[in-house]
C-alpha atoms as a PDB file:
ATOM      1  CA  MET A   1     108.874  86.524  50.830  1.00  0.00           C
ATOM      2  CA  GLU A   2     110.809  87.576  54.254  1.00  0.00           C
ATOM      3  CA  ILE A   3     112.811  90.651  55.629  1.00  0.00           C
ATOM      4  CA  ALA A   4     116.129  90.323  56.885  1.00  0.00           C
ATOM      5  CA  VAL A   5     117.866  93.300  59.207  1.00  0.00           C
ATOM      6  CA  ILE A   6     121.474  93.498  59.404  1.00  0.00           C
ATOM      7  CA  GLY A   7     123.328  95.213  61.967  1.00  0.00           C
ATOM      8  CA  SER A   8     123.550  96.538  65.674  1.00  0.00           C
ATOM      9  CA  ASN A   9     121.130  95.987  68.281  1.00  0.00           C
ATOM     10  CA  GLU A  10     120.269  99.011  68.190  1.00  0.00           C
ATOM     11  CA  PHE A  11     119.559  99.363  64.557  1.00  0.00           C
ATOM     12  CA  THR A  12     117.382  96.367  64.448  1.00  0.00           C
ATOM     13  CA  LEU A  13     115.407  96.726  67.495  1.00  0.00           C
ATOM     14  CA  GLY A  14     112.926  98.853  65.717  1.00  0.00           C
ATOM     15  CA  PHE A  15     112.490  96.598  63.237  1.00  0.00           C
ATOM     16  CA  GLN A  16     112.183  93.737  66.086  1.00  0.00           C
ATOM     17  CA  LEU A  17     109.236  95.402  67.693  1.00  0.00           C
ATOM     18  CA  ALA A  18     107.597  95.568  64.686  1.00  0.00           C
ATOM     19  CA  GLY A  19     107.905  91.809  64.171  1.00  0.00           C
ATOM     20  CA  VAL A  20     110.537  91.191  61.599  1.00  0.00           C
ATOM     21  CA  THR A  21     112.462  87.765  63.174  1.00  0.00           C
ATOM     22  CA  ARG A  22     115.284  87.474  60.786  1.00  0.00           C
ATOM     23  CA  LEU A  23     117.712  89.849  62.695  1.00  0.00           C
ATOM     24  CA  TYR A  24     121.314  89.441  62.156  1.00  0.00           C
ATOM     25  CA  HIS A  25     124.232  90.901  64.473  1.00  0.00           C
ATOM     26  CA  PRO A  26     127.673  90.912  62.727  1.00  0.00           C
ATOM     27  CA  SER A  27     130.427  91.558  65.031  1.00  0.00           C
ATOM     28  CA  SER A  28     133.245  92.291  62.537  1.00  0.00           C
ATOM     29  CA  GLU A  29     132.826  93.239  58.820  1.00  0.00           C
ATOM     30  CA  ARG A  30     134.082  89.931  57.819  1.00  0.00           C
ATOM     31  CA  GLU A  31     130.921  88.828  59.277  1.00  0.00           C
ATOM     32  CA  MET A  32     128.840  91.392  58.028  1.00  0.00           C
ATOM     33  CA  GLU A  33     130.086  90.356  53.912  1.00  0.00           C
ATOM     34  CA  SER A  34     129.302  86.747  55.027  1.00  0.00           C
ATOM     35  CA  ALA A  35     125.782  87.124  56.128  1.00  0.00           C
ATOM     36  CA  ILE A  36     125.014  89.427  53.412  1.00  0.00           C
ATOM     37  CA  ARG A  37     126.358  86.998  50.691  1.00  0.00           C
ATOM     38  CA  ASP A  38     124.211  84.453  52.171  1.00  0.00           C
ATOM     39  CA  LEU A  39     121.254  86.377  52.127  1.00  0.00           C
ATOM     40  CA  LEU A  40     121.786  87.231  48.712  1.00  0.00           C
ATOM     41  CA  GLU A  41     121.433  83.245  48.046  1.00  0.00           C
ATOM     42  CA  ASP A  42     118.500  82.846  49.777  1.00  0.00           C
ATOM     43  CA  SER A  43     115.165  82.612  47.999  1.00  0.00           C
ATOM     44  CA  SER A  44     113.092  83.008  50.746  1.00  0.00           C
ATOM     45  CA  VAL A  45     114.330  86.808  51.262  1.00  0.00           C
ATOM     46  CA  GLY A  46     112.751  89.947  49.373  1.00  0.00           C
ATOM     47  CA  ILE A  47     114.115  92.624  51.378  1.00  0.00           C
ATOM     48  CA  ILE A  48     117.707  93.177  52.955  1.00  0.00           C
ATOM     49  CA  VAL A  49     117.648  95.961  55.329  1.00  0.00           C
ATOM     50  CA  MET A  50     120.834  97.132  56.415  1.00  0.00           C
ATOM     51  CA  ASP A  51     122.119 101.173  58.136  1.00  0.00           C
ATOM     52  CA  ASN A  52     123.754 102.986  54.996  1.00  0.00           C
ATOM     53  CA  ALA A  53     126.897 103.631  57.084  1.00  0.00           C
ATOM     54  CA  ASP A  54     127.551  99.474  56.991  1.00  0.00           C
ATOM     55  CA  LEU A  55     126.894  99.072  53.317  1.00  0.00           C
ATOM     56  CA  ALA A  56     129.384 102.027  52.524  1.00  0.00           C
ATOM     57  CA  GLN A  57     132.244  99.738  54.612  1.00  0.00           C
ATOM     58  CA  LEU A  58     131.349  96.567  51.906  1.00  0.00           C
ATOM     59  CA  SER A  59     133.714  95.981  49.361  1.00  0.00           C
ATOM     60  CA  GLU A  60     133.502  97.284  46.397  1.00  0.00           C
ATOM     61  CA  ARG A  61     132.840  93.968  44.319  1.00  0.00           C
ATOM     62  CA  LEU A  62     129.995  93.170  46.712  1.00  0.00           C
ATOM     63  CA  ARG A  63     128.290  96.414  46.473  1.00  0.00           C
ATOM     64  CA  GLU A  64     128.266  96.022  42.653  1.00  0.00           C
ATOM     65  CA  ARG A  65     126.602  92.527  43.404  1.00  0.00           C
ATOM     66  CA  ILE A  66     124.090  94.414  45.833  1.00  0.00           C
ATOM     67  CA  ALA A  67     123.204  97.134  43.093  1.00  0.00           C
ATOM     68  CA  GLU A  68     122.650  94.535  40.290  1.00  0.00           C
ATOM     69  CA  SER A  69     120.414  92.128  42.826  1.00  0.00           C
ATOM     70  CA  ILE A  70     116.524  92.515  41.758  1.00  0.00           C
ATOM     71  CA  THR A  71     115.686  89.644  44.514  1.00  0.00           C
ATOM     72  CA  PRO A  72     116.151  90.133  47.306  1.00  0.00           C
ATOM     73  CA  THR A  73     116.423  93.973  47.191  1.00  0.00           C
ATOM     74  CA  VAL A  74     119.099  95.737  49.777  1.00  0.00           C
ATOM     75  CA  LEU A  75     117.868  98.727  51.331  1.00  0.00           C
ATOM     76  CA  GLY A  76     120.063 100.756  52.911  1.00  0.00           C
ATOM     77  CA  ILE A  77     118.713 103.142  55.336  1.00  0.00           C
ATOM     78  CA  GLY A  78     119.950 105.663  58.338  1.00  0.00           C
ATOM     79  CA  THR A  79     121.294 109.374  58.078  1.00  0.00           C
ATOM     80  CA  GLN A  80     123.921 109.066  55.671  1.00  0.00           C
ATOM     81  CA  GLU A  81     123.070 109.647  51.456  1.00  0.00           C
ATOM     82  CA  ASP A  82     122.559 106.482  49.161  1.00  0.00           C
ATOM     83  CA  ASN A  83     120.878 106.233  45.741  1.00  0.00           C
ATOM     84  CA  THR A  84     121.091 102.409  46.087  1.00  0.00           C
ATOM     85  CA  LEU A  85     117.174 102.559  46.413  1.00  0.00           C
ATOM     86  CA  ARG A  86     116.720 104.845  43.480  1.00  0.00           C
ATOM     87  CA  GLU A  87     119.079 102.961  41.207  1.00  0.00           C
ATOM     88  CA  SER A  88     117.298  99.803  42.070  1.00  0.00           C
ATOM     89  CA  ILE A  89     114.184 101.107  41.267  1.00  0.00           C
ATOM     90  CA  LYS A  90     115.307 102.703  38.125  1.00  0.00           C
ATOM     91  CA  SER A  91     116.579  99.439  37.032  1.00  0.00           C
ATOM     92  CA  ALA A  92     113.506  97.573  38.089  1.00  0.00           C
ATOM     93  CA  LEU A  93     110.879  99.963  36.135  1.00  0.00           C
ATOM     94  CA  GLY A  94     113.096 101.701  33.933  1.00  0.00           C
ATOM     95  CA  VAL A  95     111.788 105.141  35.416  1.00  0.00           C
ATOM     96  CA  ASP A  96     113.400 107.456  37.711  1.00  0.00           C
ATOM     97  CA  LEU A  97     110.792 108.403  40.275  1.00  0.00           C
ATOM     98  CA  TRP A  98     112.900 111.344  41.565  1.00  0.00           C
ATOM     99  CA  LYS A  99     112.194 113.291  38.707  1.00  0.00           C
END
């Protein structure tokens, strides 16, 4: 399974230096949502990484789909607080690891 990273060039640079090759740089919100939908359907992708700020800009329907997705798992990282990872782990394991 592969890791895919979606975001600006600055956001994906560190992942590129670490050897991640599936990088996506959408230029609009519409392209972002389209890329995420495509990746959610791609069975070769196990993890999708994106900035929390970009994740918050997605439509409610797509965020719900992301929250329900086990594989691939969508990880929002950045400075903005997000409970997506926590809820994904809780859903998969049935245990809240933060308690």
